N, C-alpha and C. Protein backbone atom coordinates (compact mmCIF):
# COMPACT_ATOMS: atom_id res chain seq x y z
N MET A 1 0.83 -1.20 0.00
CA MET A 1 0.00 0.00 0.00
C MET A 1 0.87 1.26 0.00
N ILE A 2 1.83 1.34 0.90
CA ILE A 2 2.71 2.50 0.98
C ILE A 2 3.55 2.61 -0.29
N LYS A 3 4.05 1.49 -0.79
CA LYS A 3 4.85 1.50 -2.01
C LYS A 3 4.01 1.98 -3.19
N LYS A 4 2.75 1.56 -3.25
CA LYS A 4 1.86 1.97 -4.33
C LYS A 4 1.63 3.48 -4.29
N LEU A 5 1.36 4.02 -3.09
CA LEU A 5 1.19 5.47 -2.94
C LEU A 5 2.48 6.21 -3.28
N TRP A 6 3.61 5.69 -2.82
CA TRP A 6 4.91 6.29 -3.10
C TRP A 6 5.14 6.38 -4.61
N ASN A 7 4.93 5.26 -5.30
CA ASN A 7 5.14 5.22 -6.75
C ASN A 7 4.18 6.16 -7.50
N LYS A 8 2.99 6.34 -6.96
CA LYS A 8 2.01 7.20 -7.63
C LYS A 8 2.34 8.68 -7.44
N TYR A 9 2.80 9.06 -6.23
CA TYR A 9 2.96 10.48 -5.92
C TYR A 9 4.39 10.99 -5.88
N VAL A 10 5.36 10.10 -5.80
CA VAL A 10 6.75 10.54 -5.78
C VAL A 10 7.35 10.22 -7.14
N ASN A 11 7.46 11.27 -7.94
CA ASN A 11 7.97 11.12 -9.30
C ASN A 11 8.72 12.39 -9.69
N LYS A 12 9.19 12.44 -10.91
CA LYS A 12 9.96 13.59 -11.37
C LYS A 12 9.18 14.89 -11.19
N GLU A 13 7.89 14.87 -11.53
CA GLU A 13 7.08 16.08 -11.44
C GLU A 13 6.95 16.59 -10.01
N THR A 14 6.61 15.71 -9.08
CA THR A 14 6.42 16.17 -7.70
C THR A 14 7.74 16.58 -7.07
N ILE A 15 8.81 15.88 -7.39
CA ILE A 15 10.12 16.25 -6.83
C ILE A 15 10.56 17.59 -7.40
N SER A 16 10.42 17.78 -8.71
CA SER A 16 10.83 19.06 -9.29
C SER A 16 9.92 20.18 -8.80
N TYR A 17 8.63 19.89 -8.57
CA TYR A 17 7.74 20.91 -8.02
C TYR A 17 8.21 21.33 -6.63
N LEU A 18 8.59 20.34 -5.84
CA LEU A 18 9.08 20.67 -4.49
C LEU A 18 10.37 21.47 -4.54
N VAL A 19 11.29 21.09 -5.42
CA VAL A 19 12.56 21.82 -5.55
C VAL A 19 12.29 23.26 -5.99
N PHE A 20 11.52 23.42 -7.06
CA PHE A 20 11.24 24.78 -7.54
C PHE A 20 10.30 25.52 -6.59
N GLY A 21 9.46 24.77 -5.88
CA GLY A 21 8.62 25.39 -4.85
C GLY A 21 9.46 25.97 -3.72
N VAL A 22 10.48 25.23 -3.32
CA VAL A 22 11.40 25.74 -2.29
C VAL A 22 12.13 26.99 -2.81
N LEU A 23 12.60 26.92 -4.06
CA LEU A 23 13.28 28.09 -4.64
C LEU A 23 12.33 29.29 -4.77
N THR A 24 11.10 29.03 -5.16
CA THR A 24 10.10 30.11 -5.24
C THR A 24 9.85 30.69 -3.86
N THR A 25 9.76 29.84 -2.86
CA THR A 25 9.55 30.30 -1.49
C THR A 25 10.74 31.13 -1.03
N ILE A 26 11.94 30.72 -1.41
CA ILE A 26 13.12 31.51 -1.05
C ILE A 26 13.07 32.89 -1.71
N VAL A 27 12.70 32.93 -2.99
CA VAL A 27 12.53 34.22 -3.67
C VAL A 27 11.52 35.07 -2.90
N ASP A 28 10.39 34.48 -2.58
CA ASP A 28 9.33 35.18 -1.86
C ASP A 28 9.82 35.70 -0.51
N LEU A 29 10.48 34.84 0.26
CA LEU A 29 10.92 35.24 1.60
C LEU A 29 12.04 36.27 1.57
N VAL A 30 12.96 36.14 0.64
CA VAL A 30 14.07 37.10 0.53
C VAL A 30 13.54 38.47 0.15
N VAL A 31 12.65 38.51 -0.84
CA VAL A 31 12.08 39.80 -1.25
C VAL A 31 11.24 40.38 -0.12
N TYR A 32 10.45 39.55 0.55
CA TYR A 32 9.63 39.99 1.68
C TYR A 32 10.50 40.57 2.79
N GLN A 33 11.54 39.84 3.17
CA GLN A 33 12.43 40.31 4.24
C GLN A 33 13.15 41.59 3.81
N GLY A 34 13.59 41.64 2.55
CA GLY A 34 14.23 42.85 2.05
C GLY A 34 13.31 44.05 2.11
N ALA A 35 12.06 43.85 1.74
CA ALA A 35 11.09 44.95 1.81
C ALA A 35 10.86 45.39 3.25
N LEU A 36 10.78 44.42 4.17
CA LEU A 36 10.63 44.78 5.58
C LEU A 36 11.83 45.59 6.08
N LEU A 37 13.02 45.20 5.64
CA LEU A 37 14.23 45.93 6.04
C LEU A 37 14.24 47.36 5.49
N LEU A 38 13.53 47.57 4.39
CA LEU A 38 13.40 48.91 3.82
C LEU A 38 12.23 49.68 4.45
N ASN A 39 11.69 49.12 5.53
CA ASN A 39 10.57 49.73 6.27
C ASN A 39 9.29 49.84 5.44
N ILE A 40 9.12 48.89 4.54
CA ILE A 40 7.87 48.81 3.79
C ILE A 40 6.88 48.03 4.65
N HIS A 41 5.66 48.50 4.73
CA HIS A 41 4.62 47.84 5.53
C HIS A 41 4.54 46.37 5.15
N TYR A 42 4.31 45.50 6.13
CA TYR A 42 4.35 44.06 5.87
C TYR A 42 3.38 43.62 4.79
N MET A 43 2.23 44.28 4.66
CA MET A 43 1.26 43.86 3.65
C MET A 43 1.73 44.28 2.25
N ALA A 44 2.31 45.45 2.13
CA ALA A 44 2.88 45.86 0.84
C ALA A 44 4.05 44.93 0.48
N ALA A 45 4.86 44.60 1.48
CA ALA A 45 5.98 43.68 1.28
C ALA A 45 5.47 42.32 0.79
N GLN A 46 4.34 41.90 1.31
CA GLN A 46 3.71 40.63 0.90
C GLN A 46 3.43 40.64 -0.59
N TRP A 47 2.84 41.73 -1.10
CA TRP A 47 2.45 41.77 -2.51
C TRP A 47 3.64 41.98 -3.44
N ILE A 48 4.65 42.70 -3.00
CA ILE A 48 5.88 42.84 -3.79
C ILE A 48 6.55 41.47 -3.93
N ALA A 49 6.68 40.78 -2.81
CA ALA A 49 7.29 39.44 -2.81
C ALA A 49 6.46 38.47 -3.64
N TRP A 50 5.15 38.58 -3.53
CA TRP A 50 4.25 37.72 -4.29
C TRP A 50 4.49 37.88 -5.79
N GLY A 51 4.58 39.11 -6.26
CA GLY A 51 4.79 39.35 -7.69
C GLY A 51 6.09 38.75 -8.20
N CYS A 52 7.16 38.91 -7.43
CA CYS A 52 8.45 38.33 -7.83
C CYS A 52 8.37 36.81 -7.84
N ALA A 53 7.73 36.23 -6.83
CA ALA A 53 7.62 34.78 -6.74
C ALA A 53 6.75 34.21 -7.86
N VAL A 54 5.68 34.89 -8.21
CA VAL A 54 4.80 34.42 -9.29
C VAL A 54 5.54 34.41 -10.62
N ALA A 55 6.30 35.44 -10.91
CA ALA A 55 7.07 35.48 -12.16
C ALA A 55 8.06 34.33 -12.23
N PHE A 56 8.80 34.12 -11.14
CA PHE A 56 9.76 33.02 -11.08
C PHE A 56 9.05 31.68 -11.21
N ALA A 57 7.95 31.51 -10.50
CA ALA A 57 7.22 30.24 -10.50
C ALA A 57 6.62 29.91 -11.86
N PHE A 58 6.10 30.91 -12.56
CA PHE A 58 5.50 30.63 -13.87
C PHE A 58 6.54 30.02 -14.81
N ILE A 59 7.69 30.64 -14.87
CA ILE A 59 8.74 30.17 -15.77
C ILE A 59 9.19 28.76 -15.39
N THR A 60 9.47 28.55 -14.11
CA THR A 60 9.97 27.24 -13.69
C THR A 60 8.90 26.16 -13.79
N ASN A 61 7.66 26.49 -13.44
CA ASN A 61 6.58 25.50 -13.54
C ASN A 61 6.29 25.14 -14.99
N LYS A 62 6.24 26.13 -15.84
CA LYS A 62 5.93 25.89 -17.24
C LYS A 62 6.96 24.98 -17.89
N PHE A 63 8.23 25.34 -17.76
CA PHE A 63 9.25 24.64 -18.52
C PHE A 63 9.87 23.43 -17.82
N PHE A 64 9.99 23.48 -16.51
CA PHE A 64 10.74 22.43 -15.81
C PHE A 64 9.86 21.46 -15.03
N VAL A 65 8.78 21.92 -14.44
CA VAL A 65 7.95 21.03 -13.61
C VAL A 65 6.93 20.31 -14.47
N PHE A 66 6.09 21.06 -15.16
CA PHE A 66 5.00 20.45 -15.93
C PHE A 66 5.35 20.30 -17.41
N GLU A 67 6.54 20.75 -17.79
CA GLU A 67 7.11 20.57 -19.12
C GLU A 67 6.15 20.97 -20.23
N SER A 68 5.56 22.13 -20.08
CA SER A 68 4.71 22.70 -21.12
C SER A 68 5.62 23.51 -22.03
N LYS A 69 6.05 22.92 -23.11
CA LYS A 69 7.11 23.50 -23.95
C LYS A 69 6.61 24.49 -24.98
N SER A 70 5.31 24.58 -25.19
CA SER A 70 4.79 25.43 -26.25
C SER A 70 5.13 26.90 -26.00
N LEU A 71 5.62 27.55 -27.04
CA LEU A 71 5.86 28.99 -27.00
C LEU A 71 4.86 29.73 -27.89
N LYS A 72 3.85 28.99 -28.36
CA LYS A 72 2.79 29.60 -29.16
C LYS A 72 2.10 30.65 -28.28
N LEU A 73 2.00 31.86 -28.79
CA LEU A 73 1.49 32.98 -28.00
C LEU A 73 0.16 32.68 -27.34
N SER A 74 -0.77 32.08 -28.06
CA SER A 74 -2.09 31.80 -27.49
C SER A 74 -2.00 30.83 -26.32
N VAL A 75 -1.10 29.85 -26.41
CA VAL A 75 -0.93 28.88 -25.33
C VAL A 75 -0.30 29.56 -24.11
N VAL A 76 0.77 30.32 -24.35
CA VAL A 76 1.47 31.00 -23.25
C VAL A 76 0.54 31.98 -22.54
N VAL A 77 -0.23 32.74 -23.30
CA VAL A 77 -1.15 33.72 -22.71
C VAL A 77 -2.22 33.00 -21.88
N LYS A 78 -2.77 31.92 -22.43
CA LYS A 78 -3.79 31.14 -21.70
C LYS A 78 -3.20 30.60 -20.39
N GLU A 79 -2.01 30.02 -20.47
CA GLU A 79 -1.37 29.48 -19.26
C GLU A 79 -1.06 30.60 -18.27
N LEU A 80 -0.56 31.71 -18.78
CA LEU A 80 -0.19 32.82 -17.90
C LEU A 80 -1.41 33.39 -17.18
N ILE A 81 -2.49 33.57 -17.91
CA ILE A 81 -3.72 34.10 -17.28
C ILE A 81 -4.23 33.13 -16.22
N ALA A 82 -4.28 31.85 -16.54
CA ALA A 82 -4.74 30.85 -15.57
C ALA A 82 -3.80 30.80 -14.37
N PHE A 83 -2.49 30.84 -14.62
CA PHE A 83 -1.49 30.77 -13.56
C PHE A 83 -1.61 31.97 -12.63
N VAL A 84 -1.64 33.16 -13.20
CA VAL A 84 -1.74 34.37 -12.37
C VAL A 84 -3.07 34.41 -11.63
N SER A 85 -4.15 33.99 -12.28
CA SER A 85 -5.46 33.96 -11.61
C SER A 85 -5.44 33.03 -10.40
N ALA A 86 -4.87 31.85 -10.57
CA ALA A 86 -4.78 30.91 -9.45
C ALA A 86 -3.89 31.48 -8.35
N ARG A 87 -2.81 32.14 -8.74
CA ARG A 87 -1.90 32.73 -7.75
C ARG A 87 -2.55 33.92 -7.03
N ILE A 88 -3.44 34.62 -7.74
CA ILE A 88 -4.18 35.70 -7.07
C ILE A 88 -5.07 35.11 -5.98
N VAL A 89 -5.75 34.03 -6.29
CA VAL A 89 -6.61 33.38 -5.30
C VAL A 89 -5.79 32.94 -4.09
N SER A 90 -4.69 32.22 -4.32
CA SER A 90 -3.88 31.77 -3.19
C SER A 90 -3.19 32.96 -2.52
N GLY A 91 -2.85 33.99 -3.29
CA GLY A 91 -2.23 35.19 -2.71
C GLY A 91 -3.16 35.95 -1.79
N VAL A 92 -4.42 36.11 -2.21
CA VAL A 92 -5.40 36.79 -1.37
C VAL A 92 -5.65 36.00 -0.09
N ILE A 93 -5.83 34.69 -0.24
CA ILE A 93 -6.05 33.86 0.95
C ILE A 93 -4.84 33.91 1.88
N SER A 94 -3.62 33.84 1.31
CA SER A 94 -2.44 33.89 2.18
C SER A 94 -2.28 35.26 2.82
N ALA A 95 -2.66 36.33 2.12
CA ALA A 95 -2.60 37.67 2.72
C ALA A 95 -3.57 37.78 3.89
N LEU A 96 -4.76 37.22 3.71
CA LEU A 96 -5.74 37.21 4.81
C LEU A 96 -5.23 36.39 6.00
N MET A 97 -4.63 35.23 5.68
CA MET A 97 -4.04 34.40 6.74
C MET A 97 -2.92 35.16 7.44
N LEU A 98 -2.07 35.83 6.65
CA LEU A 98 -0.96 36.59 7.21
C LEU A 98 -1.47 37.68 8.14
N ALA A 99 -2.47 38.43 7.70
CA ALA A 99 -3.03 39.49 8.53
C ALA A 99 -3.63 38.93 9.81
N ALA A 100 -4.35 37.82 9.70
CA ALA A 100 -4.95 37.21 10.89
C ALA A 100 -3.88 36.76 11.87
N LEU A 101 -2.83 36.14 11.36
CA LEU A 101 -1.76 35.67 12.24
C LEU A 101 -1.02 36.82 12.91
N VAL A 102 -0.78 37.90 12.17
CA VAL A 102 -0.04 39.04 12.73
C VAL A 102 -0.93 39.88 13.64
N GLU A 103 -2.10 40.24 13.16
CA GLU A 103 -2.96 41.18 13.88
C GLU A 103 -3.72 40.54 15.05
N TRP A 104 -4.23 39.34 14.84
CA TRP A 104 -5.08 38.73 15.85
C TRP A 104 -4.36 37.74 16.74
N LEU A 105 -3.36 37.04 16.19
CA LEU A 105 -2.68 36.02 16.97
C LEU A 105 -1.28 36.45 17.41
N SER A 106 -0.90 37.68 17.08
CA SER A 106 0.36 38.29 17.50
C SER A 106 1.60 37.50 17.10
N CYS A 107 1.54 36.84 15.95
CA CYS A 107 2.74 36.19 15.42
C CYS A 107 3.66 37.26 14.85
N THR A 108 4.94 36.99 14.83
CA THR A 108 5.84 37.90 14.13
C THR A 108 5.56 37.78 12.63
N GLU A 109 5.92 38.80 11.89
CA GLU A 109 5.65 38.80 10.46
C GLU A 109 6.28 37.60 9.76
N MET A 110 7.53 37.26 10.12
CA MET A 110 8.21 36.17 9.43
C MET A 110 7.63 34.81 9.81
N VAL A 111 7.28 34.61 11.06
CA VAL A 111 6.65 33.34 11.46
C VAL A 111 5.31 33.18 10.74
N ALA A 112 4.54 34.24 10.70
CA ALA A 112 3.25 34.19 10.01
C ALA A 112 3.44 33.89 8.52
N LYS A 113 4.44 34.49 7.93
CA LYS A 113 4.73 34.28 6.51
C LYS A 113 5.09 32.82 6.26
N LEU A 114 5.92 32.24 7.10
CA LEU A 114 6.30 30.83 6.94
C LEU A 114 5.10 29.91 7.07
N LEU A 115 4.22 30.21 8.00
CA LEU A 115 3.02 29.38 8.18
C LEU A 115 2.10 29.46 6.96
N THR A 116 1.97 30.64 6.37
CA THR A 116 1.09 30.76 5.21
C THR A 116 1.68 30.07 3.98
N GLU A 117 2.99 29.92 3.94
CA GLU A 117 3.64 29.29 2.78
C GLU A 117 3.22 27.83 2.61
N VAL A 118 2.92 27.14 3.69
CA VAL A 118 2.48 25.75 3.59
C VAL A 118 1.19 25.68 2.75
N PHE A 119 0.24 26.53 3.09
CA PHE A 119 -1.00 26.60 2.33
C PHE A 119 -0.73 26.93 0.87
N VAL A 120 0.12 27.91 0.63
CA VAL A 120 0.41 28.39 -0.72
C VAL A 120 1.01 27.28 -1.59
N VAL A 121 1.98 26.56 -1.07
CA VAL A 121 2.65 25.52 -1.86
C VAL A 121 1.66 24.42 -2.26
N VAL A 122 0.87 23.96 -1.32
CA VAL A 122 -0.08 22.87 -1.61
C VAL A 122 -1.16 23.33 -2.58
N SER A 123 -1.76 24.47 -2.33
CA SER A 123 -2.85 24.93 -3.20
C SER A 123 -2.34 25.26 -4.60
N ASN A 124 -1.15 25.83 -4.71
CA ASN A 124 -0.63 26.16 -6.03
C ASN A 124 -0.30 24.91 -6.84
N TYR A 125 0.17 23.86 -6.19
CA TYR A 125 0.42 22.61 -6.92
C TYR A 125 -0.90 22.06 -7.49
N VAL A 126 -1.92 22.05 -6.67
CA VAL A 126 -3.22 21.52 -7.11
C VAL A 126 -3.74 22.33 -8.29
N PHE A 127 -3.69 23.66 -8.19
CA PHE A 127 -4.14 24.51 -9.31
C PHE A 127 -3.34 24.21 -10.58
N SER A 128 -2.02 24.15 -10.45
CA SER A 128 -1.17 23.94 -11.62
C SER A 128 -1.37 22.57 -12.24
N LYS A 129 -1.42 21.56 -11.41
CA LYS A 129 -1.56 20.18 -11.88
C LYS A 129 -2.91 19.94 -12.54
N LEU A 130 -3.98 20.39 -11.90
CA LEU A 130 -5.31 20.04 -12.36
C LEU A 130 -5.89 21.01 -13.40
N PHE A 131 -5.45 22.28 -13.39
CA PHE A 131 -6.11 23.26 -14.24
C PHE A 131 -5.20 23.98 -15.24
N ILE A 132 -3.99 24.28 -14.87
CA ILE A 132 -3.18 25.17 -15.69
C ILE A 132 -2.32 24.41 -16.70
N PHE A 133 -1.51 23.48 -16.22
CA PHE A 133 -0.56 22.78 -17.10
C PHE A 133 -0.95 21.32 -17.29
N ARG A 134 -2.22 21.01 -17.16
CA ARG A 134 -2.63 19.61 -17.26
C ARG A 134 -2.31 19.08 -18.65
N LYS A 135 -1.91 17.85 -18.66
CA LYS A 135 -1.56 17.19 -19.92
C LYS A 135 -2.85 16.74 -20.60
N LYS A 136 -2.93 16.97 -21.86
CA LYS A 136 -4.09 16.52 -22.64
C LYS A 136 -3.94 15.04 -22.95
N ASP A 137 -4.99 14.29 -22.71
CA ASP A 137 -4.98 12.87 -23.08
C ASP A 137 -5.16 12.74 -24.57
N HIS A 138 -4.30 11.92 -25.19
CA HIS A 138 -4.38 11.73 -26.65
C HIS A 138 -5.00 10.40 -26.97
């Protein structure tokens, strides 16, 4: 049973998603921390970091994780719109989670950010796998 689940879910795609997900998270956290060091409000820092992370993630997810090689403009635009739309949904939810953790639960900004990243990574994989870069059955 465990071997069957392992073989189904641990593959090149999930491993590369995790690797690039970690790198995307690093981009997000570094930009976020940099913005905080520049005395930018934590919520503005959240959205600046989000934009940088989304740009990085689109490129890496498209070409390396889900191997969507098409450079046809209509395909790239469709994928980009779907990708950014999904990231807006997870971004808004993570911003709300971040605000709740900081304002209501008195977490530090960085602890709250790390906690919201768990939600972001899982939800973004599901969006990308099922809706954005899904492979067409032939």
